[in-house]
Amino acid sequence: MDSEALAVEYVLLGLRFDRLVRGFADSYTGDPMLRAQVAVEPPPEPAGLAAAARHLRAEVATADLAEPRRRFLAAQLTALECSGRKLAGEQLPFAAEVEACFQVSPAMGDPDEYRRAHRELAALLPGRGSLAERLRAVRRLDVVPPERLSVAVQAVSSALRDRVRARFELPVGETVEYRIVSDRPWSGFNHYLGGFRSKVAVNADVGHRASTLPQLVAHEAYPGHHTEHCRKEAGLVQRDRLVEHTVFLVNTPQCVLAEGLADLGLHAAVGPGWGPWAAEIFADLGIRLDGELAERIEAVLLRLLPVRQDALLMLHGDGADEADVVAHLQRWLLMPEQRARHLVGFMRDPLWRAYTTTYVEGYRLLRRWLDERPASTSSADRYRRLLDEPLVPESVRAELATRV
């Protein structure tokens, strides 16, 4: 099978998974005839999809492909085989499922590190009461009123877009349409439409704050998901004719890179000083933000990111009671109970049950990869590779290993 036929078969396989589980293909911007073909086929069987992924991976191993392309397709197909087996009812250890789907090995975090982060946070937060109460008190100060959320999102997006255009470049005509929604399981969601267009939904129910809105917009749009989709469509799809990049599939290694680069978006676009930078934007809107304090608090809270993966491992790996998982999130992430239960609900969703790992391991892996870059390579150049190249966790780790 030639490389073009392999890529088309991979896309068809991804679309068949999406027919079986709606939302499995997060975006598809390729030939509409392929989707139409899948739509009129008999309903796919999970075991058959797993077998097809296994067969196609064997074809990839012997095909005449450039190594980055081979590595990407092999990683994706390994994940698809695992998803097919799970959908067919096969019981897999949770750690094995995560490793097959995401090319990462999840592990519990260090409570001693969490305690150190809590002590540093306590030193930053004024007032009396528990640490969680003091954090909530500070967070209430920069809440964005619901009626101001849309204009605040647009202002941050415009400022970030200017920076991204100057630092990384954007295709001509790219656009993001923002919608304020409610009753969703997430705070924000990017739906890439193709043609350098995205719709980004922002969930008003979350209670957005000026201190976190820049991170959300950077994650979903500039230079996160929207920017990545645009640059890969312009480069990998239109220039290089790599058909496999017309479909983006959840629960695959490409998600680890996508979520990691998106979570590092504010770091890449603005970097140190993002707090005062954001405060100036919000000041023009009459929204208060202590930028320096917000930046210091968020730096400490980043060290608590592994707590989310702890919860995932407790829930699916150890079979812990949901009440214990909620208590763990409340204790270490200082989360209100309602928010903790909401997060556990996301982790119980059949499609998204393992997805939290992509944020934790994606950020951890890519932050190290950016920090340990060669002296001759700028941070912007390193991040640009994430936007442009078909990297997977295995290839990133291989580069890190050569630096040891």
Protein backbone atom coordinates (compact mmCIF):
# COMPACT_ATOMS: atom_id res chain seq x y z
CA MET A 1 0.00 0.00 0.00
CA ASP A 2 1.48 3.38 -0.99
CA SER A 3 1.76 6.30 1.42
CA GLU A 4 -1.29 8.12 0.06
CA ALA A 5 -3.49 5.04 0.38
CA LEU A 6 -2.20 4.46 3.93
CA ALA A 7 -3.08 8.00 4.93
CA VAL A 8 -6.56 7.73 3.46
CA GLU A 9 -7.17 4.43 5.27
CA TYR A 10 -6.08 6.05 8.52
CA VAL A 11 -8.54 8.92 8.00
CA LEU A 12 -11.35 6.50 7.16
CA LEU A 13 -10.57 4.52 10.30
CA GLY A 14 -10.73 7.67 12.42
CA LEU A 15 -14.07 8.63 10.88
CA ARG A 16 -15.41 5.14 11.59
CA PHE A 17 -14.49 5.55 15.25
CA ASP A 18 -16.34 8.86 15.20
CA ARG A 19 -19.41 7.15 13.80
CA LEU A 20 -19.26 4.67 16.66
CA VAL A 21 -18.52 7.32 19.32
CA ARG A 22 -19.66 10.82 18.39
CA GLY A 23 -16.89 13.30 19.14
CA PHE A 24 -14.02 10.84 18.67
CA ALA A 25 -12.96 12.90 15.65
CA ASP A 26 -12.54 16.28 17.28
CA SER A 27 -12.21 17.91 13.87
CA TYR A 28 -12.19 16.81 10.24
CA THR A 29 -11.28 19.17 7.42
CA GLY A 30 -10.53 16.74 4.62
CA ASP A 31 -12.35 15.40 1.58
CA PRO A 32 -16.11 15.36 2.38
CA MET A 33 -16.47 12.30 0.17
CA LEU A 34 -14.58 10.23 2.74
CA ARG A 35 -17.04 11.20 5.47
CA ALA A 36 -19.92 10.50 3.10
CA GLN A 37 -18.45 7.07 2.35
CA VAL A 38 -18.29 6.19 6.04
CA ALA A 39 -21.82 7.50 6.63
CA VAL A 40 -23.37 4.92 4.26
CA GLU A 41 -21.32 1.95 5.47
CA PRO A 42 -22.79 -0.65 7.84
CA PRO A 43 -22.29 0.36 11.49
CA PRO A 44 -18.70 -0.51 12.48
CA GLU A 45 -17.90 -3.18 15.04
CA PRO A 46 -15.34 -2.20 17.72
CA ALA A 47 -13.36 -5.43 17.38
CA GLY A 48 -13.20 -4.89 13.63
CA LEU A 49 -11.88 -1.37 14.13
CA ALA A 50 -9.20 -2.67 16.50
CA ALA A 51 -8.16 -5.30 13.95
CA ALA A 52 -8.08 -2.71 11.17
CA ALA A 53 -5.84 -0.44 13.27
CA ARG A 54 -3.49 -3.34 14.00
CA HIS A 55 -3.33 -4.31 10.31
CA LEU A 56 -2.73 -0.73 9.19
CA ARG A 57 0.04 -0.31 11.75
CA ALA A 58 1.80 -3.34 10.25
CA GLU A 59 1.50 -1.73 6.82
CA VAL A 60 2.99 1.50 8.16
CA ALA A 61 5.99 -0.39 9.56
CA THR A 62 7.07 -1.56 6.10
CA ALA A 63 5.88 1.37 3.97
CA ASP A 64 8.18 3.89 2.30
CA LEU A 65 7.55 6.75 4.71
CA ALA A 66 9.71 9.48 6.20
CA GLU A 67 10.49 8.56 9.80
CA PRO A 68 8.50 11.41 11.44
CA ARG A 69 5.46 10.38 9.43
CA ARG A 70 5.92 6.69 10.26
CA ARG A 71 6.32 7.46 13.96
CA PHE A 72 3.19 9.62 14.02
CA LEU A 73 0.98 7.09 12.25
CA ALA A 74 2.29 4.14 14.29
CA ALA A 75 1.59 5.99 17.54
CA GLN A 76 -1.91 7.00 16.46
CA LEU A 77 -2.80 3.52 15.27
CA THR A 78 -1.58 1.94 18.51
CA ALA A 79 -4.00 4.22 20.32
CA LEU A 80 -6.85 3.40 17.96
CA GLU A 81 -6.32 -0.31 18.45
CA CYS A 82 -6.53 0.19 22.21
CA SER A 83 -9.74 2.22 21.90
CA GLY A 84 -11.25 -0.46 19.69
CA ARG A 85 -10.40 -3.16 22.20
CA LYS A 86 -11.92 -1.12 25.03
CA LEU A 87 -15.08 -0.44 23.05
CA ALA A 88 -15.33 -4.17 22.32
CA GLY A 89 -15.52 -4.80 26.07
CA GLU A 90 -11.96 -5.87 26.78
CA GLN A 91 -10.79 -4.99 30.28
CA LEU A 92 -7.34 -3.39 30.35
CA PRO A 93 -5.36 -2.14 33.35
CA PHE A 94 -5.83 1.62 33.42
CA ALA A 95 -2.10 2.38 33.23
CA ALA A 96 -1.79 0.16 30.15
CA GLU A 97 -4.72 1.95 28.54
CA VAL A 98 -3.13 5.35 29.14
CA GLU A 99 0.25 4.22 27.83
CA ALA A 100 -1.27 2.78 24.65
CA CYS A 101 -3.46 5.82 23.99
CA PHE A 102 -1.05 8.59 24.95
CA GLN A 103 2.54 7.23 25.01
CA VAL A 104 2.97 8.36 28.62
CA SER A 105 3.22 6.51 31.92
CA PRO A 106 1.05 8.18 34.56
CA ALA A 107 2.14 8.19 38.20
CA MET A 108 0.86 9.65 41.43
CA GLY A 109 2.26 13.01 42.46
CA ASP A 110 4.34 13.81 45.53
CA PRO A 111 2.34 14.98 48.59
CA ASP A 112 5.49 16.61 50.00
CA GLU A 113 5.67 18.80 46.91
CA TYR A 114 2.01 19.65 47.35
CA ARG A 115 2.69 20.67 50.96
CA ARG A 116 5.58 22.91 49.88
CA ALA A 117 3.33 24.55 47.29
CA HIS A 118 0.66 25.09 49.94
CA ARG A 119 3.17 26.78 52.25
CA GLU A 120 4.29 29.12 49.46
CA LEU A 121 0.69 29.86 48.59
CA ALA A 122 -0.10 30.62 52.23
CA ALA A 123 2.71 33.18 52.27
CA LEU A 124 1.16 34.92 49.25
CA LEU A 125 -2.44 35.03 50.47
CA PRO A 126 -3.54 37.65 53.00
CA GLY A 127 -6.14 37.25 55.71
CA ARG A 128 -7.21 34.54 58.08
CA GLY A 129 -9.05 31.26 57.70
CA SER A 130 -8.09 28.09 55.88
CA LEU A 131 -5.88 28.21 52.81
CA ALA A 132 -8.85 27.29 50.61
CA GLU A 133 -10.93 30.11 52.10
CA ARG A 134 -8.16 32.65 51.58
CA LEU A 135 -7.67 31.52 47.99
CA ARG A 136 -11.39 31.86 47.30
CA ALA A 137 -11.36 35.34 48.86
CA VAL A 138 -8.58 36.49 46.53
CA ARG A 139 -10.26 34.89 43.53
CA ARG A 140 -13.51 36.73 44.20
CA LEU A 141 -11.72 40.04 43.70
CA ASP A 142 -11.14 39.62 39.96
CA VAL A 143 -14.32 37.85 38.86
CA VAL A 144 -15.41 39.00 35.41
CA PRO A 145 -19.12 39.96 35.52
CA PRO A 146 -21.13 37.71 33.17
CA GLU A 147 -22.33 40.70 31.17
CA ARG A 148 -18.68 41.72 30.60
CA LEU A 149 -17.38 38.26 29.70
CA SER A 150 -17.75 38.57 25.94
CA VAL A 151 -15.97 41.92 25.69
CA ALA A 152 -13.23 40.70 28.04
CA VAL A 153 -12.63 37.59 25.92
CA GLN A 154 -12.47 39.68 22.75
CA ALA A 155 -10.00 42.14 24.30
CA VAL A 156 -7.64 39.41 25.49
CA SER A 157 -7.94 37.56 22.18
CA SER A 158 -7.07 40.67 20.18
CA ALA A 159 -4.00 41.39 22.31
CA LEU A 160 -2.78 37.78 22.11
CA ARG A 161 -3.45 37.59 18.38
CA ASP A 162 -1.21 40.61 17.78
CA ARG A 163 1.61 38.93 19.68
CA VAL A 164 1.17 35.60 17.94
CA ARG A 165 1.07 37.20 14.49
CA ALA A 166 4.36 38.95 15.23
CA ARG A 167 6.11 35.97 16.84
CA PHE A 168 4.80 32.92 14.99
CA GLU A 169 2.84 34.23 11.99
CA LEU A 170 -0.72 33.27 11.12
CA PRO A 171 -2.26 32.34 7.77
CA VAL A 172 -4.00 35.16 5.95
CA GLY A 173 -7.70 35.26 6.72
CA GLU A 174 -7.65 33.19 9.91
CA THR A 175 -10.50 33.99 12.29
CA VAL A 176 -11.92 32.89 15.63
CA GLU A 177 -15.58 33.29 16.49
CA TYR A 178 -16.30 33.29 20.23
CA ARG A 179 -19.60 32.17 21.73
CA ILE A 180 -20.65 32.43 25.36
CA VAL A 181 -22.47 29.25 26.38
CA SER A 182 -23.70 27.52 29.54
CA ASP A 183 -24.31 24.05 30.93
CA ARG A 184 -21.13 22.48 29.54
CA PRO A 185 -18.60 20.13 31.24
CA TRP A 186 -15.62 22.35 30.31
CA SER A 187 -14.59 25.99 30.70
CA GLY A 188 -13.73 26.51 27.03
CA PHE A 189 -13.75 24.44 23.85
CA ASN A 190 -12.25 24.95 20.39
CA HIS A 191 -14.02 23.56 17.35
CA TYR A 192 -11.81 23.90 14.30
CA LEU A 193 -13.84 24.30 11.11
CA GLY A 194 -11.04 24.25 8.54
CA GLY A 195 -10.06 27.05 6.22
CA PHE A 196 -8.24 28.70 9.14
CA ARG A 197 -11.49 29.23 11.07
CA SER A 198 -12.42 28.21 14.60
CA LYS A 199 -15.41 28.54 16.86
CA VAL A 200 -14.45 28.85 20.52
CA ALA A 201 -17.15 28.33 23.13
CA VAL A 202 -16.63 29.86 26.58
CA ASN A 203 -18.74 28.43 29.38
CA ALA A 204 -20.16 31.28 31.46
CA ASP A 205 -21.19 28.91 34.27
CA VAL A 206 -17.56 28.47 35.38
CA GLY A 207 -17.34 32.00 36.75
CA HIS A 208 -14.37 33.33 34.81
CA ARG A 209 -11.76 35.55 36.40
CA ALA A 210 -9.42 38.12 34.96
CA SER A 211 -6.47 36.15 36.34
CA THR A 212 -7.36 33.00 34.37
CA LEU A 213 -9.07 34.32 31.24
CA PRO A 214 -5.74 35.02 29.44
CA GLN A 215 -4.73 31.39 29.95
CA LEU A 216 -8.05 30.14 28.59
CA VAL A 217 -7.88 32.31 25.45
CA ALA A 218 -4.22 31.42 24.90
CA HIS A 219 -5.09 27.73 25.27
CA GLU A 220 -8.07 27.70 22.91
CA ALA A 221 -6.94 30.23 20.32
CA TYR A 222 -3.67 32.19 20.33
CA PRO A 223 -1.20 30.45 20.24
CA GLY A 224 -3.01 27.26 21.30
CA HIS A 225 -5.48 25.01 19.49
CA HIS A 226 -6.65 27.44 16.80
CA THR A 227 -3.10 28.48 15.92
CA GLU A 228 -1.87 24.89 15.82
CA HIS A 229 -4.73 23.79 13.56
CA CYS A 230 -4.18 26.75 11.23
CA ARG A 231 -0.43 26.27 10.88
CA LYS A 232 -0.70 22.51 10.43
CA GLU A 233 -3.42 22.95 7.80
CA ALA A 234 -1.26 25.47 5.94
CA GLY A 235 1.91 23.39 6.24
CA LEU A 236 1.32 19.68 6.72
CA VAL A 237 -1.95 19.50 4.77
CA GLN A 238 -1.84 22.13 2.01
CA ARG A 239 1.92 22.34 1.43
CA ASP A 240 3.05 18.78 2.21
CA ARG A 241 -0.17 16.94 1.26
CA LEU A 242 -0.16 14.79 4.42
CA VAL A 243 -3.78 13.69 4.41
CA GLU A 244 -3.58 12.13 7.89
CA HIS A 245 -3.52 15.62 9.41
CA THR A 246 -7.00 16.46 8.13
CA VAL A 247 -8.44 14.57 11.10
CA PHE A 248 -7.77 15.14 14.81
CA LEU A 249 -8.65 12.17 17.01
CA VAL A 250 -9.17 12.22 20.76
CA ASN A 251 -7.49 9.67 23.02
CA THR A 252 -4.38 9.55 20.83
CA PRO A 253 -0.80 10.77 21.31
CA GLN A 254 -1.39 13.90 19.25
CA CYS A 255 -3.67 15.10 22.08
CA VAL A 256 -0.78 15.10 24.56
CA LEU A 257 1.17 17.47 22.32
CA ALA A 258 -1.90 19.59 21.53
CA GLU A 259 -2.92 20.08 25.16
CA GLY A 260 0.65 20.60 26.32
CA LEU A 261 1.38 23.30 23.75
CA ALA A 262 -1.98 24.93 24.45
CA ASP A 263 -1.34 25.03 28.20
CA LEU A 264 2.04 26.62 27.44
CA GLY A 265 0.45 29.17 25.13
CA LEU A 266 0.52 32.12 27.52
CA HIS A 267 4.12 31.26 28.43
CA ALA A 268 5.04 31.25 24.72
CA ALA A 269 3.12 34.36 23.67
CA VAL A 270 3.79 36.63 26.64
CA GLY A 271 6.03 34.87 29.17
CA PRO A 272 7.11 36.42 32.48
CA GLY A 273 5.15 39.56 33.19
CA TRP A 274 1.90 38.25 31.75
CA GLY A 275 0.07 39.34 34.91
CA PRO A 276 0.79 43.09 34.62
CA TRP A 277 0.31 42.80 30.84
CA ALA A 278 -3.18 41.37 31.38
CA ALA A 279 -3.95 43.93 34.10
CA GLU A 280 -3.48 46.75 31.58
CA ILE A 281 -5.96 45.11 29.19
CA PHE A 282 -8.57 44.66 31.88
CA ALA A 283 -8.03 48.14 33.31
CA ASP A 284 -9.31 49.58 30.03
CA LEU A 285 -12.49 47.56 30.59
CA GLY A 286 -12.94 48.65 34.19
CA ILE A 287 -12.09 45.16 35.51
CA ARG A 288 -9.72 44.93 38.46
CA LEU A 289 -6.70 42.61 38.42
CA ASP A 290 -3.62 42.56 40.64
CA GLY A 291 -1.43 41.20 37.86
CA GLU A 292 1.72 40.60 39.86
CA LEU A 293 -0.09 38.67 42.59
CA ALA A 294 -2.11 36.68 40.04
CA GLU A 295 1.04 35.64 38.23
CA ARG A 296 2.74 34.53 41.44
CA ILE A 297 -0.31 32.56 42.58
CA GLU A 298 -0.72 30.80 39.25
CA ALA A 299 2.99 29.83 39.23
CA VAL A 300 2.49 28.02 42.54
CA LEU A 301 -0.80 26.43 41.48
CA LEU A 302 0.89 24.94 38.41
CA ARG A 303 2.88 22.74 40.75
CA LEU A 304 -0.41 21.23 41.92
CA LEU A 305 -1.41 20.18 38.40
CA PRO A 306 -0.50 16.48 39.06
CA VAL A 307 -3.28 16.33 41.67
CA ARG A 308 -5.73 15.99 38.78
CA GLN A 309 -3.91 12.92 37.53
CA ASP A 310 -3.86 11.54 41.08
CA ALA A 311 -7.64 11.69 41.01
CA LEU A 312 -7.73 9.89 37.68
CA LEU A 313 -5.49 7.09 38.93
CA MET A 314 -7.43 6.76 42.15
CA LEU A 315 -10.72 6.54 40.28
CA HIS A 316 -9.80 4.18 37.45
CA GLY A 317 -6.61 2.53 38.64
CA ASP A 318 -7.31 1.92 42.31
CA GLY A 319 -11.10 1.81 42.20
CA ALA A 320 -11.31 4.42 44.94
CA ASP A 321 -14.65 5.61 46.19
CA GLU A 322 -15.78 8.81 44.47
CA ALA A 323 -16.03 10.58 47.83
CA ASP A 324 -12.32 9.89 48.45
CA VAL A 325 -11.39 11.23 45.03
CA VAL A 326 -13.42 14.40 45.63
CA ALA A 327 -11.77 14.81 49.03
CA HIS A 328 -8.32 14.47 47.46
CA LEU A 329 -9.10 17.23 44.96
CA GLN A 330 -10.49 19.45 47.69
CA ARG A 331 -7.52 18.93 49.96
CA TRP A 332 -4.67 19.46 47.53
CA LEU A 333 -6.19 21.58 44.74
CA LEU A 334 -8.21 23.62 47.25
CA MET A 335 -11.28 23.06 45.09
CA PRO A 336 -14.85 23.69 46.22
CA GLU A 337 -16.74 20.41 46.50
CA GLN A 338 -19.06 21.21 43.61
CA ARG A 339 -16.16 21.89 41.26
CA ALA A 340 -14.37 18.72 42.40
CA ARG A 341 -17.49 16.64 41.73
CA HIS A 342 -17.82 18.25 38.32
CA LEU A 343 -14.24 17.25 37.48
CA VAL A 344 -14.83 13.68 38.65
CA GLY A 345 -17.90 13.56 36.43
CA PHE A 346 -15.71 14.49 33.45
CA MET A 347 -13.32 11.68 34.41
CA ARG A 348 -16.21 9.21 34.43
CA ASP A 349 -17.33 10.09 30.91
CA PRO A 350 -16.59 7.05 28.69
CA LEU A 351 -14.95 9.17 25.96
CA TRP A 352 -12.96 11.47 28.25
CA ARG A 353 -12.17 9.14 31.15
CA ALA A 354 -8.40 9.13 30.59
CA TYR A 355 -8.08 12.53 28.94
CA THR A 356 -6.97 14.47 32.03
CA THR A 357 -3.56 12.84 31.61
CA THR A 358 -2.99 14.82 28.41
CA TYR A 359 -2.98 18.11 30.34
CA VAL A 360 -0.72 16.89 33.13
CA GLU A 361 1.80 14.91 31.10
CA GLY A 362 1.61 17.19 28.07
CA TYR A 363 2.49 20.27 30.09
CA ARG A 364 5.22 18.47 32.05
CA LEU A 365 6.88 16.96 28.97
CA LEU A 366 6.75 20.03 26.77
CA ARG A 367 7.77 22.50 29.47
CA ARG A 368 10.93 20.44 30.00
CA TRP A 369 11.47 20.23 26.22
CA LEU A 370 11.19 24.00 25.89
CA ASP A 371 13.41 24.69 28.89
CA GLU A 372 16.13 22.22 27.88
CA ARG A 373 16.45 23.45 24.30
CA PRO A 374 19.90 23.87 22.69
CA ALA A 375 21.59 27.19 23.41
CA SER A 376 21.36 28.10 19.72
CA THR A 377 17.57 27.66 19.65
CA SER A 378 15.18 30.33 20.88
CA SER A 379 12.08 29.54 22.88
CA ALA A 380 9.93 30.86 20.01
CA ASP A 381 11.68 28.59 17.50
CA ARG A 382 11.17 25.59 19.78
CA TYR A 383 7.47 26.36 20.27
CA ARG A 384 7.03 26.91 16.53
CA ARG A 385 8.04 23.30 15.99
CA LEU A 386 5.12 22.21 18.17
CA LEU A 387 2.79 24.23 15.97
CA ASP A 388 4.20 22.88 12.72
CA GLU A 389 5.59 19.36 13.10
CA PRO A 390 3.84 15.97 13.58
CA LEU A 391 5.53 15.27 16.91
CA VAL A 392 4.43 12.64 19.42
CA PRO A 393 5.57 12.11 23.03
CA GLU A 394 8.04 9.41 21.98
CA SER A 395 9.84 11.76 19.58
CA VAL A 396 9.99 14.55 22.17
CA ARG A 397 11.47 12.17 24.75
CA ALA A 398 13.99 10.95 22.18
CA GLU A 399 15.21 14.52 21.66
CA LEU A 400 15.45 15.07 25.40
CA ALA A 401 17.50 11.89 25.76
CA THR A 402 20.11 13.20 23.33
CA ARG A 403 20.66 16.19 25.65
CA VAL A 404 21.64 14.00 28.61
